[in-house]
């Protein structure tokens, strides 16, 4: 099979893996709040939700291993702990969010059913699919993704060319940074770490003599195809959300806004259809997250079926507990967690993309440590009163924007490389 054909096959597969229905509620709300600054928040959002995930795929193309390889230069123990943290976050936040989105978009508007009952039924069904691992979800995903893409494109095109009122002013003081941090909520950078490894394994399982460079090109091209699709959809939804930001109440929630936009562009039938399709897509996303997590834990325990079952059960139990919460609540709970893990995710992605001569073990260890230390005020700001951190925030550049780790990490990267180069010159 030619590499170009494979690139498109895996490109569409990666797009489907990234295209979680829960992510669809984020861009319109960002545009809704940004108004005329929609293009600025788009830049920030695209950086964290498209460019960094693409770099994660490029890093996989270079490493051609698993997610454990991303942190191995720091230490095998660190890499294991990092991977466990990523999977734990996946089952604690994005997986339950799929149930919350399903309730707010597809159940609450049409049925008198409590969120806890919906969440319980939802994750009981998820558990059954995870345990049985049939092909039904693959078939559903094959048709659901194109359906959602068609509907979303219809909303974007009709929204752009339909007459609307003037935009309300932006609610953001720093639109680019607000868009960047909102992009964390897509979990796309983490998805890049998870999905890239799966693609590497899939390419290796294909019959044919693919060289290291062939596989590298396939992964890079397929990643570019997938990220181009995400870019168009994210930017389009942000723009439509901005165009219609005077048509809805300020207190509207993210799921309500997406439903409202679909009603205004597609009518009531279109909005209802979108709700059902999004609910099904949310379900496939939840199953995929829990299967991936259970598989990882199973591998750590010598392919133990018991470990797989226990992981799936605990994941679904957590899903029931968290999935009954409002989408907004789950997003708010995620903020300190994402401020903790994302600096490490971004740093590891970038260090694995650049040439090895600039990314020695010493560079990895120093930059990761510094990024972690300087990100502490960022996630603590969501857990303790802001006045307790005023002194620290005042002396760390960008800390007031929850990006206090960025400049220290860059400085450390440059400094350690200078020291390494001088050592080599002396020897």
Protein backbone atom coordinates (compact mmCIF):
# COMPACT_ATOMS: atom_id res chain seq x y z
CA UNK A 1 0.00 0.00 0.00
CA UNK A 2 1.43 3.37 -1.01
CA UNK A 3 2.50 5.79 1.71
CA UNK A 4 0.23 8.57 0.34
CA UNK A 5 -2.86 6.36 0.61
CA UNK A 6 -1.84 5.29 4.11
CA UNK A 7 -1.34 8.91 5.11
CA UNK A 8 -4.94 9.71 4.22
CA UNK A 9 -6.27 6.57 5.92
CA UNK A 10 -4.45 7.32 9.16
CA UNK A 11 -5.14 11.04 8.80
CA UNK A 12 -8.89 10.43 8.86
CA UNK A 13 -8.45 7.92 11.70
CA UNK A 14 -6.49 10.44 13.80
CA UNK A 15 -9.08 13.12 13.05
CA UNK A 16 -11.85 10.79 14.25
CA UNK A 17 -9.88 9.99 17.41
CA UNK A 18 -9.35 13.69 18.21
CA UNK A 19 -12.83 14.75 17.18
CA UNK A 20 -14.49 14.16 20.54
CA UNK A 21 -18.03 15.47 20.69
CA UNK A 22 -17.31 17.17 24.01
CA UNK A 23 -14.72 19.38 22.29
CA UNK A 24 -17.43 20.81 20.04
CA UNK A 25 -18.93 22.77 22.94
CA UNK A 26 -15.72 24.70 23.65
CA UNK A 27 -14.98 26.75 20.47
CA UNK A 28 -18.46 28.34 20.04
CA UNK A 29 -18.49 29.49 23.67
CA UNK A 30 -15.00 30.94 23.26
CA UNK A 31 -16.17 32.89 20.22
CA UNK A 32 -19.36 33.90 22.03
CA UNK A 33 -17.32 35.52 24.80
CA UNK A 34 -14.70 37.06 22.52
CA UNK A 35 -16.91 38.84 19.97
CA UNK A 36 -14.76 40.98 17.64
CA UNK A 37 -11.60 39.47 19.19
CA UNK A 38 -12.59 36.03 17.88
CA UNK A 39 -9.50 35.84 15.65
CA UNK A 40 -7.19 36.51 18.61
CA UNK A 41 -8.71 33.78 20.79
CA UNK A 42 -8.57 31.51 17.72
CA UNK A 43 -4.80 31.97 17.57
CA UNK A 44 -4.40 30.93 21.21
CA UNK A 45 -6.86 28.05 20.90
CA UNK A 46 -5.21 26.74 17.73
CA UNK A 47 -1.78 26.79 19.40
CA UNK A 48 -2.85 24.54 22.29
CA UNK A 49 -5.54 22.46 20.53
CA UNK A 50 -4.01 21.99 17.06
CA UNK A 51 -0.31 22.94 16.79
CA UNK A 52 0.92 21.30 20.02
CA UNK A 53 -1.04 18.06 19.32
CA UNK A 54 0.46 18.06 15.82
CA UNK A 55 3.92 18.37 17.35
CA UNK A 56 3.06 15.40 19.59
CA UNK A 57 2.38 13.35 16.46
CA UNK A 58 5.66 14.54 14.94
CA UNK A 59 7.43 13.47 18.13
CA UNK A 60 5.86 10.01 17.77
CA UNK A 61 7.06 9.95 14.16
CA UNK A 62 10.57 10.57 15.45
CA UNK A 63 10.44 8.14 18.39
CA UNK A 64 8.21 5.43 16.85
CA UNK A 65 7.59 3.86 20.23
CA UNK A 66 4.97 4.37 22.94
CA UNK A 67 3.97 7.20 25.27
CA UNK A 68 6.43 5.81 27.82
CA UNK A 69 9.25 6.92 25.51
CA UNK A 70 8.37 10.60 25.94
CA UNK A 71 9.74 10.80 29.46
CA UNK A 72 12.39 8.08 29.39
CA UNK A 73 15.26 10.60 29.19
CA UNK A 74 14.16 12.00 32.53
CA UNK A 75 13.91 8.52 34.06
CA UNK A 76 11.84 5.34 33.55
CA UNK A 77 10.11 5.93 36.89
CA UNK A 78 9.17 9.49 35.96
CA UNK A 79 7.87 8.29 32.59
CA UNK A 80 5.68 5.67 34.25
CA UNK A 81 4.27 8.14 36.80
CA UNK A 82 3.65 10.69 34.04
CA UNK A 83 1.75 8.15 31.92
CA UNK A 84 -0.31 7.03 34.92
CA UNK A 85 -1.20 10.68 35.64
CA UNK A 86 -2.31 11.23 32.03
CA UNK A 87 -4.53 8.12 32.06
CA UNK A 88 -5.92 8.98 35.51
CA UNK A 89 -6.88 12.45 34.29
CA UNK A 90 -8.47 10.93 31.18
CA UNK A 91 -10.83 8.71 33.17
CA UNK A 92 -11.53 11.33 35.85
CA UNK A 93 -12.34 14.32 33.60
CA UNK A 94 -12.87 13.95 29.81
CA UNK A 95 -14.61 10.56 30.09
CA UNK A 96 -17.24 11.76 32.64
CA UNK A 97 -17.63 15.00 30.68
CA UNK A 98 -19.03 12.96 27.79
CA UNK A 99 -21.90 11.85 30.06
CA UNK A 100 -22.51 15.41 31.23
CA UNK A 101 -22.60 16.70 27.64
CA UNK A 102 -24.98 13.89 26.68
CA UNK A 103 -27.31 14.80 29.55
CA UNK A 104 -27.33 18.53 28.84
CA UNK A 105 -27.68 18.22 25.05
CA UNK A 106 -29.70 15.04 24.47
CA UNK A 107 -31.56 14.13 27.67
CA UNK A 108 -32.43 17.20 29.73
CA UNK A 109 -34.11 19.15 26.87
CA UNK A 110 -36.41 16.25 25.99
CA UNK A 111 -36.89 13.98 29.04
CA UNK A 112 -37.56 14.38 32.74
CA UNK A 113 -34.64 12.33 33.97
CA UNK A 114 -32.12 13.17 36.68
CA UNK A 115 -28.43 13.58 35.87
CA UNK A 116 -27.42 10.82 38.31
CA UNK A 117 -29.78 8.32 36.66
CA UNK A 118 -28.53 9.32 33.21
CA UNK A 119 -24.91 9.03 34.32
CA UNK A 120 -25.54 5.62 35.92
CA UNK A 121 -27.24 4.14 32.86
CA UNK A 122 -24.63 5.73 30.59
CA UNK A 123 -21.62 4.21 32.36
CA UNK A 124 -23.25 0.83 32.92
CA UNK A 125 -23.58 0.64 29.14
CA UNK A 126 -20.02 1.92 28.72
CA UNK A 127 -18.79 -0.80 31.09
CA UNK A 128 -20.60 -3.51 29.10
CA UNK A 129 -19.04 -2.31 25.85
CA UNK A 130 -15.58 -2.03 27.43
CA UNK A 131 -15.76 -5.58 28.78
CA UNK A 132 -17.12 -7.11 25.57
CA UNK A 133 -15.02 -5.01 23.17
CA UNK A 134 -17.16 -5.68 20.11
CA UNK A 135 -16.86 -4.02 16.73
CA UNK A 136 -20.11 -2.06 17.12
CA UNK A 137 -18.33 1.09 18.28
CA UNK A 138 -15.89 0.98 15.35
CA UNK A 139 -18.86 0.75 12.98
CA UNK A 140 -20.66 3.58 14.79
CA UNK A 141 -17.53 5.72 14.78
CA UNK A 142 -17.06 5.13 11.07
CA UNK A 143 -20.44 6.70 10.33
CA UNK A 144 -20.82 9.09 13.28
CA UNK A 145 -17.73 11.15 12.57
CA UNK A 146 -18.71 11.98 8.96
CA UNK A 147 -22.26 12.78 10.15
CA UNK A 148 -21.06 15.19 12.82
CA UNK A 149 -18.58 16.79 10.40
CA UNK A 150 -21.36 17.38 7.85
CA UNK A 151 -23.68 18.89 10.48
CA UNK A 152 -20.95 21.10 11.96
CA UNK A 153 -19.91 22.33 8.51
CA UNK A 154 -23.55 23.12 7.79
CA UNK A 155 -23.76 25.15 11.03
CA UNK A 156 -20.54 26.99 10.15
CA UNK A 157 -21.48 27.78 6.53
CA UNK A 158 -25.08 28.75 7.28
CA UNK A 159 -23.97 30.70 10.35
CA UNK A 160 -21.41 32.71 8.40
CA UNK A 161 -23.77 33.59 5.55
CA UNK A 162 -26.94 34.18 7.59
CA UNK A 163 -27.73 37.78 8.60
CA UNK A 164 -27.18 38.44 12.34
CA UNK A 165 -26.93 41.47 14.63
CA UNK A 166 -23.82 43.30 15.74
CA UNK A 167 -21.29 41.56 17.98
CA UNK A 168 -21.16 42.31 21.68
CA UNK A 169 -17.72 43.47 22.93
CA UNK A 170 -15.13 40.94 24.09
CA UNK A 171 -15.16 39.70 27.69
CA UNK A 172 -11.43 38.89 27.61
CA UNK A 173 -8.54 41.15 28.67
CA UNK A 174 -5.94 38.90 27.02
CA UNK A 175 -7.76 37.07 24.19
CA UNK A 176 -4.80 35.03 22.89
CA UNK A 177 -3.92 33.69 26.35
CA UNK A 178 -7.59 33.01 27.14
CA UNK A 179 -7.86 31.01 23.92
CA UNK A 180 -4.62 29.17 24.70
CA UNK A 181 -5.78 28.10 28.17
CA UNK A 182 -9.26 27.14 26.92
CA UNK A 183 -7.52 24.86 24.43
CA UNK A 184 -6.21 22.86 27.39
CA UNK A 185 -9.81 21.73 27.97
CA UNK A 186 -9.86 19.86 24.66
CA UNK A 187 -7.19 17.48 26.05
CA UNK A 188 -5.88 17.35 22.46
CA UNK A 189 -2.21 17.55 23.46
CA UNK A 190 -2.73 14.55 25.73
CA UNK A 191 -4.66 12.85 22.93
CA UNK A 192 -1.64 13.38 20.69
CA UNK A 193 0.51 11.42 23.13
CA UNK A 194 -2.02 8.58 23.26
CA UNK A 195 -3.06 8.45 19.59
CA UNK A 196 0.41 8.72 18.06
CA UNK A 197 1.52 5.53 19.78
CA UNK A 198 -1.53 3.67 18.49
CA UNK A 199 -0.80 4.81 14.92
CA UNK A 200 2.83 3.66 15.20
CA UNK A 201 1.66 0.19 16.26
CA UNK A 202 -0.94 0.13 13.46
CA UNK A 203 1.67 0.98 10.82
CA UNK A 204 4.00 -1.72 12.16
CA UNK A 205 1.18 -4.29 11.85
CA UNK A 206 0.70 -3.58 8.14
CA UNK A 207 2.39 -5.99 5.78
CA UNK A 208 5.05 -4.25 3.76
CA UNK A 209 8.61 -3.10 3.93
CA UNK A 210 8.24 0.32 5.51
CA UNK A 211 11.50 1.93 6.49
CA UNK A 212 11.90 4.19 9.50
CA UNK A 213 11.70 7.22 7.20
CA UNK A 214 8.58 5.86 5.45
CA UNK A 215 6.78 5.52 8.78
CA UNK A 216 7.99 8.96 9.78
CA UNK A 217 6.52 10.49 6.63
CA UNK A 218 3.23 8.63 7.01
CA UNK A 219 2.76 9.82 10.58
CA UNK A 220 3.74 13.40 9.76
CA UNK A 221 1.44 13.64 6.72
CA UNK A 222 -1.48 11.94 8.44
CA UNK A 223 -1.07 14.26 11.42
CA UNK A 224 -1.11 17.28 9.11
CA UNK A 225 -4.31 16.04 7.44
CA UNK A 226 -6.04 15.49 10.79
CA UNK A 227 -4.95 18.81 12.28
CA UNK A 228 -6.02 20.73 9.17
CA UNK A 229 -9.53 19.36 9.63
CA UNK A 230 -9.55 20.31 13.31
CA UNK A 231 -8.24 23.79 12.49
CA UNK A 232 -11.07 24.47 10.05
CA UNK A 233 -13.76 23.25 12.46
CA UNK A 234 -12.37 24.97 15.56
CA UNK A 235 -11.82 28.31 13.80
CA UNK A 236 -15.22 28.09 12.10
CA UNK A 237 -17.11 27.38 15.33
CA UNK A 238 -15.28 30.19 17.15
CA UNK A 239 -16.25 32.61 14.36
CA UNK A 240 -19.91 31.52 14.34
CA UNK A 241 -20.05 31.79 18.14
CA UNK A 242 -18.74 35.35 17.82
CA UNK A 243 -21.20 36.26 15.05
CA UNK A 244 -24.16 35.15 17.17
CA UNK A 245 -22.96 36.43 20.54
CA UNK A 246 -25.72 39.05 20.69
CA UNK A 247 -28.42 36.44 20.03
CA UNK A 248 -28.18 34.62 23.37
CA UNK A 249 -28.23 35.42 27.07
CA UNK A 250 -24.84 35.97 28.71
CA UNK A 251 -25.43 33.16 31.23
CA UNK A 252 -25.87 30.48 28.55
CA UNK A 253 -23.89 27.26 29.04
CA UNK A 254 -21.57 25.70 26.46
CA UNK A 255 -23.94 22.83 25.50
CA UNK A 256 -26.90 25.23 25.34
CA UNK A 257 -24.97 27.53 23.02
CA UNK A 258 -24.08 24.73 20.59
CA UNK A 259 -27.71 23.58 20.62
CA UNK A 260 -28.89 27.17 20.16
CA UNK A 261 -26.57 27.73 17.20
CA UNK A 262 -27.74 24.52 15.55
CA UNK A 263 -31.38 25.57 16.04
CA UNK A 264 -30.78 29.00 14.49
CA UNK A 265 -28.95 27.56 11.48
CA UNK A 266 -30.54 24.13 10.96
CA UNK A 267 -33.93 24.50 12.66
CA UNK A 268 -35.42 22.39 15.45
CA UNK A 269 -35.13 19.08 13.59
CA UNK A 270 -31.46 19.72 12.83
CA UNK A 271 -30.76 20.63 16.44
CA UNK A 272 -32.47 17.48 17.70
CA UNK A 273 -30.56 15.32 15.23
CA UNK A 274 -27.27 16.95 16.28
CA UNK A 275 -28.05 16.24 19.94
CA UNK A 276 -28.58 12.54 19.26
CA UNK A 277 -25.47 12.18 17.11
CA UNK A 278 -23.34 14.08 19.64
CA UNK A 279 -24.64 11.80 22.42
CA UNK A 280 -23.63 8.69 20.47
CA UNK A 281 -20.23 10.18 19.65
CA UNK A 282 -19.73 11.04 23.34
CA UNK A 283 -20.45 7.41 24.17
CA UNK A 284 -17.84 6.08 21.74
CA UNK A 285 -15.30 8.56 23.14
CA UNK A 286 -15.94 7.39 26.72
CA UNK A 287 -15.53 3.74 25.71
CA UNK A 288 -12.30 4.50 23.82
CA UNK A 289 -10.80 6.36 26.81
CA UNK A 290 -11.60 3.59 29.28
CA UNK A 291 -10.48 0.79 26.94
CA UNK A 292 -7.18 2.61 26.36
CA UNK A 293 -6.65 3.11 30.10
CA UNK A 294 -7.58 -0.48 30.95
CA UNK A 295 -5.25 -1.78 28.22
CA UNK A 296 -2.36 0.27 29.63
CA UNK A 297 -2.90 -1.02 33.18
CA UNK A 298 -3.36 -4.55 31.85
CA UNK A 299 0.04 -4.28 30.14
CA UNK A 300 1.68 -3.22 33.41
CA UNK A 301 0.34 -6.38 35.09
CA UNK A 302 1.52 -8.91 32.49
CA UNK A 303 -1.69 -8.82 30.43
CA UNK A 304 -3.85 -9.59 33.46
CA UNK A 305 -7.55 -9.79 32.57
CA UNK A 306 -8.34 -9.10 36.22
CA UNK A 307 -6.40 -5.80 36.07
CA UNK A 308 -8.34 -4.87 32.92
CA UNK A 309 -11.69 -5.63 34.59
CA UNK A 310 -10.87 -3.76 37.81
CA UNK A 311 -9.59 -0.71 35.90
CA UNK A 312 -12.71 -0.64 33.73
CA UNK A 313 -14.98 -0.98 36.78
CA UNK A 314 -13.25 1.80 38.75
CA UNK A 315 -13.20 4.05 35.67
CA UNK A 316 -16.94 3.62 35.11
CA UNK A 317 -17.67 4.15 38.82
CA UNK A 318 -15.73 7.43 38.70
CA UNK A 319 -17.65 8.25 35.54
CA UNK A 320 -20.98 7.85 37.33
CA UNK A 321 -19.86 10.09 40.19
CA UNK A 322 -18.37 12.84 38.02
CA UNK A 323 -20.70 12.45 35.04
CA UNK A 324 -23.74 13.61 37.03
CA UNK A 325 -22.14 17.04 37.46
CA UNK A 326 -22.73 20.04 35.19
CA UNK A 327 -20.39 20.38 32.23
CA UNK A 328 -19.32 23.78 33.57
CA UNK A 329 -18.48 22.25 36.95
CA UNK A 330 -16.33 19.51 35.36
CA UNK A 331 -14.51 22.13 33.28
CA UNK A 332 -13.85 24.22 36.41
CA UNK A 333 -12.64 21.20 38.38
CA UNK A 334 -10.26 20.40 35.53
CA UNK A 335 -8.52 23.78 35.64
CA UNK A 336 -5.98 23.12 38.44
CA UNK A 337 -5.38 19.60 37.13
CA UNK A 338 -4.64 20.87 33.63
CA UNK A 339 -2.42 23.65 34.98
CA UNK A 340 -0.45 20.87 36.71
CA UNK A 341 -0.11 18.39 33.84
CA UNK A 342 -0.08 20.57 30.70
CA UNK A 343 3.30 22.27 31.27
CA UNK A 344 4.87 18.80 31.54
CA UNK A 345 2.94 17.57 28.48
CA UNK A 346 3.99 20.56 26.37
CA UNK A 347 7.62 20.47 27.50
CA UNK A 348 7.96 16.73 26.82
CA UNK A 349 6.37 17.11 23.38
CA UNK A 350 8.68 19.96 22.39
CA UNK A 351 11.83 18.29 23.73
CA UNK A 352 11.04 15.12 21.80
CA UNK A 353 10.44 17.02 18.54
CA UNK A 354 13.71 18.97 18.44
CA UNK A 355 17.03 17.41 17.30
CA UNK A 356 18.65 15.13 19.87
CA UNK A 357 21.78 17.28 20.08
CA UNK A 358 19.67 19.96 21.80
CA UNK A 359 17.74 17.50 23.98
CA UNK A 360 20.19 15.55 26.11
CA UNK A 361 19.19 13.81 29.32
CA UNK A 362 20.50 16.80 31.27
CA UNK A 363 18.29 19.15 29.22
CA UNK A 364 15.24 16.93 29.70
CA UNK A 365 15.71 16.67 33.45
CA UNK A 366 16.46 20.35 34.02
CA UNK A 367 13.68 21.72 31.80
CA UNK A 368 11.04 19.31 33.14
CA UNK A 369 12.00 20.10 36.75
CA UNK A 370 11.97 23.86 36.18
CA UNK A 371 8.68 23.74 34.26
CA UNK A 372 7.10 21.77 37.11
CA UNK A 373 8.41 24.08 39.86
CA UNK A 374 7.35 27.29 38.11
CA UNK A 375 3.90 25.87 37.24
CA UNK A 376 3.10 25.31 40.93
CA UNK A 377 1.70 28.85 41.41
CA UNK A 378 -0.39 28.37 38.26
CA UNK A 379 -2.38 25.43 39.60
CA UNK A 380 -2.31 26.63 43.22
CA UNK A 381 -4.06 29.83 42.08
CA UNK A 382 -7.20 27.72 41.53
CA UNK A 383 -6.98 26.05 44.96
CA UNK A 384 -6.07 28.82 47.43
CA UNK A 385 -6.96 32.54 47.75
CA UNK A 386 -5.18 34.67 45.13
CA UNK A 387 -3.78 37.09 47.73
CA UNK A 388 -1.66 34.28 49.20
CA UNK A 389 0.26 34.05 45.92
CA UNK A 390 0.58 37.74 45.08
CA UNK A 391 4.24 37.93 46.11
CA UNK A 392 5.28 34.92 44.01
CA UNK A 393 3.14 35.85 41.01
CA UNK A 394 4.57 39.37 40.99
CA UNK A 395 8.15 38.18 40.48
CA UNK A 396 7.52 35.41 37.91
CA UNK A 397 6.97 36.69 34.33
CA UNK A 398 3.60 35.63 32.83
CA UNK A 399 2.52 34.06 36.14
CA UNK A 400 -0.48 36.40 36.25
CA UNK A 401 -1.62 34.67 33.04
CA UNK A 402 -1.03 31.14 34.43
CA UNK A 403 2.01 30.73 32.18
CA UNK A 404 4.73 31.33 34.76
CA UNK A 405 6.63 28.21 33.67
CA UNK A 406 7.21 29.26 30.06
CA UNK A 407 10.14 31.72 30.28
CA UNK A 408 12.01 29.82 33.05
CA UNK A 409 11.75 26.62 30.98
CA UNK A 410 13.08 28.40 27.86
CA UNK A 411 15.91 30.00 29.87
CA UNK A 412 16.85 26.63 31.39
CA UNK A 413 16.80 24.98 27.96
CA UNK A 414 19.20 27.58 26.56
CA UNK A 415 21.45 27.61 29.63
CA UNK A 416 21.89 23.83 29.87
CA UNK A 417 22.62 23.61 26.15
CA UNK A 418 25.29 26.31 26.46
CA UNK A 419 26.88 24.40 29.37
CA UNK A 420 26.75 21.14 27.38
CA UNK A 421 28.37 22.76 24.34
CA UNK A 422 31.22 24.16 26.42
CA UNK A 423 31.84 20.75 27.97
CA UNK A 424 32.06 19.21 24.48
CA UNK A 425 34.45 21.94 23.31
CA UNK A 426 36.79 21.20 26.23
CA UNK A 427 36.78 17.49 25.46
